[in-house]
Amino acid sequence: MEESRKGVLGHLNMLEMEANNFELKQQELRQRGREEELNATLQALLTKRDQLKVEIKANTSLQKMRTLLDRTDVPYERNEDVDDLEDGSDNSQLLLMMARHTQLKDLLHAHHLIGGYDVLQTRKGKGVCVSLATAYEGVYLETYNLEIDLGSNLRICRHNIPPFIPLERLVTQGNMQTDIRDFLDTLSQYLNAYAGRKQQLHLTKEIHSSVQVAESNALCTILVLMFTTPGEKAEATLCTLQYADHTQRLPTRVNIESEDTALVSSPQWKKNQALLLGTPLHTALVTMKKNGSIA
């Protein structure tokens, strides 16, 4: 009986030892699995860290562009930080393409902010050159340039704006420091209006040989024309056009003078006067020639 009891106790002790060994093996397996999981997580984090380092290097120049854009509304050009990525690897090429795409988006955004004017970096980012193109009736004419110093206060350091354009007054009144787009828009109005008046005068001389330009000023805000009226007794008629608003291409006042007072006060010449006030000069003269008012 006692031997049977010892056999049962021995069997129980063996089962307990096996259970303890199994638990130890399970703990060891769980610990090993945890270590492998931690090692995998560590490797993933190290890989992510290396990738972030490359991305930070790629985006350093873009951050500079955005900072400059926020401060001055002017895009920053590509610099050496982006050029350093061109090492030929697939990852670098992808990052370079991403950087260029972001740079183009920033340039387009800046282009929109300042009204579509062309901007070039000068003096290694210390200044920008803004180009203002003029056009009339779909034809591009002169292009004017402003080099702006990007110091604590924006300052025009060089330009080729005609001297009769009130640039200094526009800088003061146009609030260039706080709204450069408004300043550029106003300046562009002056330049395009001047270019339009000048082009109208050029087309008048080119198309209408019977019309003589007796007088004109540099800004083309005062034009004195001499017409020849058709008929048996051809008479000269003076027409003075005044442009009081220098941001417009049409005159604000038209004065007709002739020795024939009846001609000046006739309904036809009243219509001609209104035509000259509301229609570009060279176009109005075509109409006047067709209706027989001028030779």
C-alpha atoms as a PDB file:
ATOM      1  CA  MET A   1       0.000   0.000   0.000  1.00  0.00           C
ATOM      2  CA  GLU A   2       2.809   2.334   0.921  1.00  0.00           C
ATOM      3  CA  GLU A   3       4.633   1.518  -2.298  1.00  0.00           C
ATOM      4  CA  SER A   4       1.513   2.336  -4.264  1.00  0.00           C
ATOM      5  CA  ARG A   5       1.311   5.703  -2.467  1.00  0.00           C
ATOM      6  CA  LYS A   6       4.950   6.479  -3.272  1.00  0.00           C
ATOM      7  CA  GLY A   7       4.317   5.622  -6.910  1.00  0.00           C
ATOM      8  CA  VAL A   8       1.417   8.075  -7.085  1.00  0.00           C
ATOM      9  CA  LEU A   9       3.420  10.835  -5.338  1.00  0.00           C
ATOM     10  CA  GLY A  10       6.377  10.270  -7.634  1.00  0.00           C
ATOM     11  CA  HIS A  11       4.120  10.513 -10.652  1.00  0.00           C
ATOM     12  CA  LEU A  12       2.631  13.757  -9.312  1.00  0.00           C
ATOM     13  CA  ASN A  13       6.103  15.195  -8.674  1.00  0.00           C
ATOM     14  CA  MET A  14       7.121  14.317 -12.216  1.00  0.00           C
ATOM     15  CA  LEU A  15       4.009  16.003 -13.632  1.00  0.00           C
ATOM     16  CA  GLU A  16       4.681  19.099 -11.527  1.00  0.00           C
ATOM     17  CA  MET A  17       8.275  19.276 -12.760  1.00  0.00           C
ATOM     18  CA  GLU A  18       7.136  18.898 -16.365  1.00  0.00           C
ATOM     19  CA  ALA A  19       4.575  21.652 -15.854  1.00  0.00           C
ATOM     20  CA  ASN A  20       7.236  23.923 -14.379  1.00  0.00           C
ATOM     21  CA  ASN A  21       9.589  23.173 -17.256  1.00  0.00           C
ATOM     22  CA  PHE A  22       6.836  23.861 -19.786  1.00  0.00           C
ATOM     23  CA  GLU A  23       6.069  27.196 -18.147  1.00  0.00           C
ATOM     24  CA  LEU A  24       9.739  28.132 -18.210  1.00  0.00           C
ATOM     25  CA  LYS A  25       9.947  27.236 -21.905  1.00  0.00           C
ATOM     26  CA  GLN A  26       6.825  29.302 -22.623  1.00  0.00           C
ATOM     27  CA  GLN A  27       8.297  32.280 -20.801  1.00  0.00           C
ATOM     28  CA  GLU A  28      11.535  31.874 -22.726  1.00  0.00           C
ATOM     29  CA  LEU A  29       9.653  31.711 -26.041  1.00  0.00           C
ATOM     30  CA  ARG A  30       7.592  34.771 -25.125  1.00  0.00           C
ATOM     31  CA  GLN A  31      10.731  36.667 -24.141  1.00  0.00           C
ATOM     32  CA  ARG A  32      12.499  35.650 -27.351  1.00  0.00           C
ATOM     33  CA  GLY A  33       9.467  36.701 -29.423  1.00  0.00           C
ATOM     34  CA  ARG A  34       9.344  40.033 -27.613  1.00  0.00           C
ATOM     35  CA  GLU A  35      13.025  40.608 -28.284  1.00  0.00           C
ATOM     36  CA  GLU A  36      12.543  39.838 -31.987  1.00  0.00           C
ATOM     37  CA  GLU A  37       9.560  42.201 -32.093  1.00  0.00           C
ATOM     38  CA  LEU A  38      11.561  44.949 -30.398  1.00  0.00           C
ATOM     39  CA  ASN A  39      14.478  44.398 -32.764  1.00  0.00           C
ATOM     40  CA  ALA A  40      12.150  44.646 -35.781  1.00  0.00           C
ATOM     41  CA  THR A  41      10.626  47.845 -34.382  1.00  0.00           C
ATOM     42  CA  LEU A  42      14.104  49.254 -33.759  1.00  0.00           C
ATOM     43  CA  GLN A  43      15.194  48.490 -37.330  1.00  0.00           C
ATOM     44  CA  ALA A  44      12.038  50.115 -38.700  1.00  0.00           C
ATOM     45  CA  LEU A  45      12.654  53.235 -36.617  1.00  0.00           C
ATOM     46  CA  LEU A  46      16.290  53.413 -37.726  1.00  0.00           C
ATOM     47  CA  THR A  47      15.203  53.122 -41.369  1.00  0.00           C
ATOM     48  CA  LYS A  48      12.579  55.843 -40.839  1.00  0.00           C
ATOM     49  CA  ARG A  49      15.202  58.045 -39.158  1.00  0.00           C
ATOM     50  CA  ASP A  50      17.560  57.737 -42.125  1.00  0.00           C
ATOM     51  CA  GLN A  51      14.716  58.508 -44.538  1.00  0.00           C
ATOM     52  CA  LEU A  52      13.726  61.583 -42.550  1.00  0.00           C
ATOM     53  CA  LYS A  53      17.308  62.825 -42.566  1.00  0.00           C
ATOM     54  CA  VAL A  54      17.350  62.676 -46.378  1.00  0.00           C
ATOM     55  CA  GLU A  55      13.940  64.358 -46.612  1.00  0.00           C
ATOM     56  CA  ILE A  56      15.005  67.105 -44.222  1.00  0.00           C
ATOM     57  CA  LYS A  57      18.066  67.753 -46.377  1.00  0.00           C
ATOM     58  CA  ALA A  58      15.898  67.841 -49.490  1.00  0.00           C
ATOM     59  CA  ASN A  59      13.426  70.268 -47.972  1.00  0.00           C
ATOM     60  CA  THR A  60      15.888  72.692 -46.382  1.00  0.00           C
ATOM     61  CA  SER A  61      15.904  74.937 -49.442  1.00  0.00           C
ATOM     62  CA  LEU A  62      12.127  74.714 -49.724  1.00  0.00           C
ATOM     63  CA  GLN A  63      11.733  75.941 -46.162  1.00  0.00           C
ATOM     64  CA  LYS A  64      13.959  78.903 -47.066  1.00  0.00           C
ATOM     65  CA  MET A  65      11.773  79.607 -50.088  1.00  0.00           C
ATOM     66  CA  ARG A  66       8.596  79.539 -48.014  1.00  0.00           C
ATOM     67  CA  THR A  67      10.111  81.793 -45.348  1.00  0.00           C
ATOM     68  CA  LEU A  68      11.202  84.315 -47.972  1.00  0.00           C
ATOM     69  CA  LEU A  69       7.834  84.068 -49.697  1.00  0.00           C
ATOM     70  CA  ASP A  70       5.951  84.724 -46.438  1.00  0.00           C
ATOM     71  CA  ARG A  71       8.147  87.762 -45.751  1.00  0.00           C
ATOM     72  CA  THR A  72       8.313  89.381 -49.160  1.00  0.00           C
ATOM     73  CA  ASP A  73       5.851  87.588 -51.505  1.00  0.00           C
ATOM     74  CA  VAL A  74       8.860  86.626 -53.649  1.00  0.00           C
ATOM     75  CA  PRO A  75       9.891  83.038 -54.508  1.00  0.00           C
ATOM     76  CA  TYR A  76      13.350  81.784 -53.585  1.00  0.00           C
ATOM     77  CA  GLU A  77      15.296  80.145 -56.375  1.00  0.00           C
ATOM     78  CA  ARG A  78      16.843  76.689 -56.287  1.00  0.00           C
ATOM     79  CA  ASN A  79      20.119  76.482 -54.380  1.00  0.00           C
ATOM     80  CA  GLU A  80      22.948  74.064 -53.683  1.00  0.00           C
ATOM     81  CA  ASP A  81      20.980  72.029 -51.111  1.00  0.00           C
ATOM     82  CA  VAL A  82      18.757  70.711 -53.871  1.00  0.00           C
ATOM     83  CA  ASP A  83      21.654  70.197 -56.250  1.00  0.00           C
ATOM     84  CA  ASP A  84      23.361  67.964 -53.656  1.00  0.00           C
ATOM     85  CA  LEU A  85      20.578  65.390 -54.106  1.00  0.00           C
ATOM     86  CA  GLU A  86      21.577  64.618 -57.662  1.00  0.00           C
ATOM     87  CA  ASP A  87      23.707  61.584 -56.769  1.00  0.00           C
ATOM     88  CA  GLY A  88      21.964  59.193 -59.166  1.00  0.00           C
ATOM     89  CA  SER A  89      20.160  56.947 -56.615  1.00  0.00           C
ATOM     90  CA  ASP A  90      16.474  56.186 -57.124  1.00  0.00           C
ATOM     91  CA  ASN A  91      15.570  57.584 -53.714  1.00  0.00           C
ATOM     92  CA  SER A  92      17.438  60.825 -54.318  1.00  0.00           C
ATOM     93  CA  GLN A  93      15.926  61.212 -57.781  1.00  0.00           C
ATOM     94  CA  LEU A  94      12.433  60.780 -56.320  1.00  0.00           C
ATOM     95  CA  LEU A  95      13.107  63.308 -53.585  1.00  0.00           C
ATOM     96  CA  LEU A  96      14.581  65.707 -56.137  1.00  0.00           C
ATOM     97  CA  MET A  97      11.449  65.454 -58.264  1.00  0.00           C
ATOM     98  CA  MET A  98       9.314  66.098 -55.188  1.00  0.00           C
ATOM     99  CA  ALA A  99      11.447  69.112 -54.292  1.00  0.00           C
ATOM    100  CA  ARG A 100      11.197  70.522 -57.813  1.00  0.00           C
ATOM    101  CA  HIS A 101       7.434  69.981 -57.850  1.00  0.00           C
ATOM    102  CA  THR A 102       7.036  71.830 -54.554  1.00  0.00           C
ATOM    103  CA  GLN A 103       9.355  74.575 -55.800  1.00  0.00           C
ATOM    104  CA  LEU A 104       7.254  75.046 -58.926  1.00  0.00           C
ATOM    105  CA  LYS A 105       4.084  75.217 -56.831  1.00  0.00           C
ATOM    106  CA  ASP A 106       5.695  77.888 -54.642  1.00  0.00           C
ATOM    107  CA  LEU A 107       6.816  79.832 -57.714  1.00  0.00           C
ATOM    108  CA  LEU A 108       3.314  79.675 -59.202  1.00  0.00           C
ATOM    109  CA  HIS A 109       1.843  80.783 -55.884  1.00  0.00           C
ATOM    110  CA  ALA A 110       4.227  83.735 -55.679  1.00  0.00           C
ATOM    111  CA  HIS A 111       3.553  84.514 -59.344  1.00  0.00           C
ATOM    112  CA  HIS A 112      -0.154  84.697 -58.506  1.00  0.00           C
ATOM    113  CA  LEU A 113       0.395  86.749 -55.352  1.00  0.00           C
ATOM    114  CA  ILE A 114       2.166  89.539 -57.193  1.00  0.00           C
ATOM    115  CA  GLY A 115      -0.273  89.605 -60.101  1.00  0.00           C
ATOM    116  CA  GLY A 116       1.510  87.445 -62.640  1.00  0.00           C
ATOM    117  CA  TYR A 117       4.701  89.506 -62.910  1.00  0.00           C
ATOM    118  CA  ASP A 118       7.957  87.758 -63.760  1.00  0.00           C
ATOM    119  CA  VAL A 119      10.396  87.647 -60.846  1.00  0.00           C
ATOM    120  CA  LEU A 120      14.091  86.756 -60.802  1.00  0.00           C
ATOM    121  CA  GLN A 121      16.363  86.432 -57.799  1.00  0.00           C
ATOM    122  CA  THR A 122      19.321  88.827 -57.669  1.00  0.00           C
ATOM    123  CA  ARG A 123      22.355  89.190 -55.419  1.00  0.00           C
ATOM    124  CA  LYS A 124      21.994  85.676 -53.946  1.00  0.00           C
ATOM    125  CA  GLY A 125      18.529  86.233 -52.572  1.00  0.00           C
ATOM    126  CA  LYS A 126      19.103  89.733 -51.239  1.00  0.00           C
ATOM    127  CA  GLY A 127      17.051  91.259 -54.024  1.00  0.00           C
ATOM    128  CA  VAL A 128      14.587  90.466 -56.793  1.00  0.00           C
ATOM    129  CA  CYS A 129      14.032  91.849 -60.270  1.00  0.00           C
ATOM    130  CA  VAL A 130      10.393  92.308 -61.267  1.00  0.00           C
ATOM    131  CA  SER A 131       9.593  92.610 -64.979  1.00  0.00           C
ATOM    132  CA  LEU A 132       6.503  94.519 -66.117  1.00  0.00           C
ATOM    133  CA  ALA A 133       5.561  93.889 -69.739  1.00  0.00           C
ATOM    134  CA  THR A 134       3.348  96.300 -71.656  1.00  0.00           C
ATOM    135  CA  ALA A 135       1.014  95.410 -74.491  1.00  0.00           C
ATOM    136  CA  TYR A 136      -1.632  96.992 -76.693  1.00  0.00           C
ATOM    137  CA  GLU A 137      -4.260  95.213 -78.795  1.00  0.00           C
ATOM    138  CA  GLY A 138      -2.529  91.869 -78.265  1.00  0.00           C
ATOM    139  CA  VAL A 139       0.929  93.133 -79.258  1.00  0.00           C
ATOM    140  CA  TYR A 140       3.697  93.070 -76.656  1.00  0.00           C
ATOM    141  CA  LEU A 141       5.611  96.316 -76.470  1.00  0.00           C
ATOM    142  CA  GLU A 142       8.335  97.476 -74.050  1.00  0.00           C
ATOM    143  CA  THR A 143       9.264  95.607 -70.872  1.00  0.00           C
ATOM    144  CA  TYR A 144      10.309  97.572 -67.805  1.00  0.00           C
ATOM    145  CA  ASN A 145      12.283  96.248 -64.838  1.00  0.00           C
ATOM    146  CA  LEU A 146      12.520  97.046 -61.135  1.00  0.00           C
ATOM    147  CA  GLU A 147      15.240  95.680 -58.877  1.00  0.00           C
ATOM    148  CA  ILE A 148      13.935  95.633 -55.309  1.00  0.00           C
ATOM    149  CA  ASP A 149      16.178  95.319 -52.263  1.00  0.00           C
ATOM    150  CA  LEU A 150      14.734  92.815 -49.753  1.00  0.00           C
ATOM    151  CA  GLY A 151      16.002  94.477 -46.612  1.00  0.00           C
ATOM    152  CA  SER A 152      13.976  95.352 -43.516  1.00  0.00           C
ATOM    153  CA  ASN A 153      12.151  97.777 -45.822  1.00  0.00           C
ATOM    154  CA  LEU A 154      11.569  97.130 -49.504  1.00  0.00           C
ATOM    155  CA  ARG A 155      13.550  99.600 -51.597  1.00  0.00           C
ATOM    156  CA  ILE A 156      13.885 100.115 -55.352  1.00  0.00           C
ATOM    157  CA  CYS A 157      17.606 100.214 -56.071  1.00  0.00           C
ATOM    158  CA  ARG A 158      17.572 100.157 -59.902  1.00  0.00           C
ATOM    159  CA  HIS A 159      14.941 100.518 -62.624  1.00  0.00           C
ATOM    160  CA  ASN A 160      14.369 101.631 -66.215  1.00  0.00           C
ATOM    161  CA  ILE A 161      10.975 103.254 -65.673  1.00  0.00           C
ATOM    162  CA  PRO A 162      10.604 106.405 -67.847  1.00  0.00           C
ATOM    163  CA  PRO A 163      11.331 109.547 -65.807  1.00  0.00           C
ATOM    164  CA  PHE A 164       7.922 111.059 -66.531  1.00  0.00           C
ATOM    165  CA  ILE A 165       6.175 108.167 -64.724  1.00  0.00           C
ATOM    166  CA  PRO A 166       5.647 109.329 -61.080  1.00  0.00           C
ATOM    167  CA  LEU A 167       7.484 106.348 -59.566  1.00  0.00           C
ATOM    168  CA  GLU A 168       8.488 108.009 -56.269  1.00  0.00           C
ATOM    169  CA  ARG A 169       4.933 109.183 -55.663  1.00  0.00           C
ATOM    170  CA  LEU A 170       3.605 105.707 -56.406  1.00  0.00           C
ATOM    171  CA  VAL A 171       6.077 104.177 -53.942  1.00  0.00           C
ATOM    172  CA  THR A 172       4.856 106.542 -51.229  1.00  0.00           C
ATOM    173  CA  GLN A 173       1.158 106.444 -52.001  1.00  0.00           C
ATOM    174  CA  GLY A 174       1.009 102.862 -53.258  1.00  0.00           C
ATOM    175  CA  ASN A 175       2.012 101.403 -49.882  1.00  0.00           C
ATOM    176  CA  MET A 176       4.750  99.230 -51.362  1.00  0.00           C
ATOM    177  CA  GLN A 177       5.862  98.034 -47.918  1.00  0.00           C
ATOM    178  CA  THR A 178       2.541  96.385 -47.038  1.00  0.00           C
ATOM    179  CA  ASP A 179       0.938  95.638 -50.417  1.00  0.00           C
ATOM    180  CA  ILE A 180       3.492  95.211 -53.175  1.00  0.00           C
ATOM    181  CA  ARG A 181       0.897  93.763 -55.537  1.00  0.00           C
ATOM    182  CA  ASP A 182      -1.213  96.928 -55.351  1.00  0.00           C
ATOM    183  CA  PHE A 183       1.888  99.011 -56.019  1.00  0.00           C
ATOM    184  CA  LEU A 184       2.865  96.893 -59.049  1.00  0.00           C
ATOM    185  CA  ASP A 185      -0.703  96.921 -60.386  1.00  0.00           C
ATOM    186  CA  THR A 186      -0.855 100.725 -60.214  1.00  0.00           C
ATOM    187  CA  LEU A 187       2.571 101.083 -61.821  1.00  0.00           C
ATOM    188  CA  SER A 188       1.555  98.622 -64.540  1.00  0.00           C
ATOM    189  CA  GLN A 189      -1.551 100.714 -65.257  1.00  0.00           C
ATOM    190  CA  TYR A 190       0.596 103.810 -65.797  1.00  0.00           C
ATOM    191  CA  LEU A 191       3.055 101.949 -68.023  1.00  0.00           C
ATOM    192  CA  ASN A 192       0.416 100.174 -70.112  1.00  0.00           C
ATOM    193  CA  ALA A 193      -1.613 103.349 -70.537  1.00  0.00           C
ATOM    194  CA  TYR A 194       1.508 105.211 -71.689  1.00  0.00           C
ATOM    195  CA  ALA A 195       2.432 102.362 -74.051  1.00  0.00           C
ATOM    196  CA  GLY A 196      -1.125 102.333 -75.417  1.00  0.00           C
ATOM    197  CA  ARG A 197      -1.203 106.064 -76.095  1.00  0.00           C
ATOM    198  CA  LYS A 198       2.242 105.897 -77.673  1.00  0.00           C
ATOM    199  CA  GLN A 199       1.197 102.975 -79.876  1.00  0.00           C
ATOM    200  CA  GLN A 200      -1.962 104.796 -80.976  1.00  0.00           C
ATOM    201  CA  LEU A 201       0.165 107.758 -82.015  1.00  0.00           C
ATOM    202  CA  HIS A 202       2.530 105.434 -83.895  1.00  0.00           C
ATOM    203  CA  LEU A 203      -0.359 103.748 -85.729  1.00  0.00           C
ATOM    204  CA  THR A 204      -1.866 107.139 -86.560  1.00  0.00           C
ATOM    205  CA  LYS A 205       1.360 108.247 -88.240  1.00  0.00           C
ATOM    206  CA  GLU A 206       1.694 104.898 -90.004  1.00  0.00           C
ATOM    207  CA  ILE A 207      -1.858 104.492 -91.275  1.00  0.00           C
ATOM    208  CA  HIS A 208      -3.167 108.022 -91.793  1.00  0.00           C
ATOM    209  CA  SER A 209      -0.842 109.933 -94.091  1.00  0.00           C
ATOM    210  CA  SER A 210      -3.303 112.815 -94.368  1.00  0.00           C
ATOM    211  CA  VAL A 211      -3.220 113.432 -90.608  1.00  0.00           C
ATOM    212  CA  GLN A 212      -0.295 115.484 -89.343  1.00  0.00           C
ATOM    213  CA  VAL A 213       0.887 115.379 -85.738  1.00  0.00           C
ATOM    214  CA  ALA A 214       1.559 119.018 -84.949  1.00  0.00           C
ATOM    215  CA  GLU A 215       2.543 118.503 -81.311  1.00  0.00           C
ATOM    216  CA  SER A 216       2.929 115.780 -78.679  1.00  0.00           C
ATOM    217  CA  ASN A 217       4.670 115.464 -75.319  1.00  0.00           C
ATOM    218  CA  ALA A 218       6.837 112.627 -73.990  1.00  0.00           C
ATOM    219  CA  LEU A 219       4.031 111.059 -71.944  1.00  0.00           C
ATOM    220  CA  CYS A 220       1.634 111.331 -74.910  1.00  0.00           C
ATOM    221  CA  THR A 221      -0.929 113.072 -72.728  1.00  0.00           C
ATOM    222  CA  ILE A 222      -1.311 116.030 -75.098  1.00  0.00           C
ATOM    223  CA  LEU A 223      -1.681 115.471 -78.839  1.00  0.00           C
ATOM    224  CA  VAL A 224      -2.364 118.172 -81.405  1.00  0.00           C
ATOM    225  CA  LEU A 225      -3.432 116.833 -84.824  1.00  0.00           C
ATOM    226  CA  MET A 226      -4.077 118.649 -88.049  1.00  0.00           C
ATOM    227  CA  PHE A 227      -6.862 117.286 -90.262  1.00  0.00           C
ATOM    228  CA  THR A 228      -7.590 118.212 -93.842  1.00  0.00           C
ATOM    229  CA  THR A 229     -11.299 118.336 -94.616  1.00  0.00           C
ATOM    230  CA  PRO A 230     -12.318 117.149 -98.105  1.00  0.00           C
ATOM    231  CA  GLY A 231     -14.115 119.373-100.596  1.00  0.00           C
ATOM    232  CA  GLU A 232     -13.461 122.022-103.182  1.00  0.00           C
ATOM    233  CA  LYS A 233     -12.035 124.322-100.576  1.00  0.00           C
ATOM    234  CA  ALA A 234      -9.897 122.118 -98.334  1.00  0.00           C
ATOM    235  CA  GLU A 235      -9.399 123.626 -94.916  1.00  0.00           C
ATOM    236  CA  ALA A 236      -7.151 122.651 -92.041  1.00  0.00           C
ATOM    237  CA  THR A 237      -8.791 121.630 -88.767  1.00  0.00           C
ATOM    238  CA  LEU A 238      -6.889 121.368 -85.485  1.00  0.00           C
ATOM    239  CA  CYS A 239      -7.810 118.663 -83.005  1.00  0.00           C
ATOM    240  CA  THR A 240      -6.345 118.713 -79.482  1.00  0.00           C
ATOM    241  CA  LEU A 241      -6.598 115.592 -77.326  1.00  0.00           C
ATOM    242  CA  GLN A 242      -5.864 115.832 -73.596  1.00  0.00           C
ATOM    243  CA  TYR A 243      -5.396 112.811 -71.320  1.00  0.00           C
ATOM    244  CA  ALA A 244      -5.890 114.044 -67.748  1.00  0.00           C
ATOM    245  CA  ASP A 245      -6.028 110.490 -66.371  1.00  0.00           C
ATOM    246  CA  HIS A 246      -2.566 109.056 -67.000  1.00  0.00           C
ATOM    247  CA  THR A 247      -3.742 105.524 -66.239  1.00  0.00           C
ATOM    248  CA  GLN A 248      -6.094 105.516 -69.242  1.00  0.00           C
ATOM    249  CA  ARG A 249      -5.576 105.204 -72.986  1.00  0.00           C
ATOM    250  CA  LEU A 250      -8.523 107.360 -74.029  1.00  0.00           C
ATOM    251  CA  PRO A 251      -8.604 111.176 -73.847  1.00  0.00           C
ATOM    252  CA  THR A 252     -10.607 113.037 -71.241  1.00  0.00           C
ATOM    253  CA  ARG A 253     -11.091 116.084 -73.466  1.00  0.00           C
ATOM    254  CA  VAL A 254     -11.202 116.690 -77.231  1.00  0.00           C
ATOM    255  CA  ASN A 255     -11.185 120.215 -78.684  1.00  0.00           C
ATOM    256  CA  ILE A 256     -11.854 120.941 -82.379  1.00  0.00           C
ATOM    257  CA  GLU A 257     -10.751 124.253 -83.948  1.00  0.00           C
ATOM    258  CA  SER A 258     -11.345 125.463 -87.491  1.00  0.00           C
ATOM    259  CA  GLU A 259     -11.769 128.702 -89.399  1.00  0.00           C
ATOM    260  CA  ASP A 260     -15.090 127.259 -90.535  1.00  0.00           C
ATOM    261  CA  THR A 261     -17.099 127.714 -87.348  1.00  0.00           C
ATOM    262  CA  ALA A 262     -20.121 126.092 -88.944  1.00  0.00           C
ATOM    263  CA  LEU A 263     -18.122 122.886 -89.496  1.00  0.00           C
ATOM    264  CA  VAL A 264     -17.057 122.663 -85.832  1.00  0.00           C
ATOM    265  CA  SER A 265     -20.633 123.069 -84.595  1.00  0.00           C
ATOM    266  CA  SER A 266     -22.141 120.692 -87.167  1.00  0.00           C
ATOM    267  CA  PRO A 267     -23.830 117.452 -85.948  1.00  0.00           C
ATOM    268  CA  GLN A 268     -21.273 115.337 -87.810  1.00  0.00           C
ATOM    269  CA  TRP A 269     -18.317 116.904 -86.038  1.00  0.00           C
ATOM    270  CA  LYS A 270     -20.115 116.638 -82.705  1.00  0.00           C
ATOM    271  CA  LYS A 271     -20.300 112.918 -83.411  1.00  0.00           C
ATOM    272  CA  ASN A 272     -16.620 112.925 -84.377  1.00  0.00           C
ATOM    273  CA  GLN A 273     -15.749 114.595 -81.087  1.00  0.00           C
ATOM    274  CA  ALA A 274     -17.652 111.926 -79.134  1.00  0.00           C
ATOM    275  CA  LEU A 275     -15.994 109.241 -81.287  1.00  0.00           C
ATOM    276  CA  LEU A 276     -12.520 110.521 -80.422  1.00  0.00           C
ATOM    277  CA  LEU A 277     -13.421 110.525 -76.715  1.00  0.00           C
ATOM    278  CA  GLY A 278     -14.595 106.900 -76.665  1.00  0.00           C
ATOM    279  CA  THR A 279     -12.513 105.163 -79.349  1.00  0.00           C
ATOM    280  CA  PRO A 280      -8.742 104.655 -79.798  1.00  0.00           C
ATOM    281  CA  LEU A 281      -7.314 107.417 -81.956  1.00  0.00           C
ATOM    282  CA  HIS A 282      -6.244 105.386 -84.993  1.00  0.00           C
ATOM    283  CA  THR A 283      -9.586 103.529 -85.054  1.00  0.00           C
ATOM    284  CA  ALA A 284     -11.598 106.739 -84.736  1.00  0.00           C
ATOM    285  CA  LEU A 285      -9.701 108.295 -87.658  1.00  0.00           C
ATOM    286  CA  VAL A 286     -10.575 105.311 -89.862  1.00  0.00           C
ATOM    287  CA  THR A 287     -14.254 105.897 -89.100  1.00  0.00           C
ATOM    288  CA  MET A 288     -13.907 109.637 -89.709  1.00  0.00           C
ATOM    289  CA  LYS A 289     -12.303 108.986 -93.082  1.00  0.00           C
ATOM    290  CA  LYS A 290     -15.079 106.586 -94.054  1.00  0.00           C
ATOM    291  CA  ASN A 291     -17.802 109.100 -93.221  1.00  0.00           C
ATOM    292  CA  GLY A 292     -15.993 111.791 -95.217  1.00  0.00           C
ATOM    293  CA  SER A 293     -15.001 114.037 -92.332  1.00  0.00           C
ATOM    294  CA  ILE A 294     -11.289 113.967 -93.171  1.00  0.00           C
ATOM    295  CA  ALA A 295      -9.373 113.418 -96.379  1.00  0.00           C
END
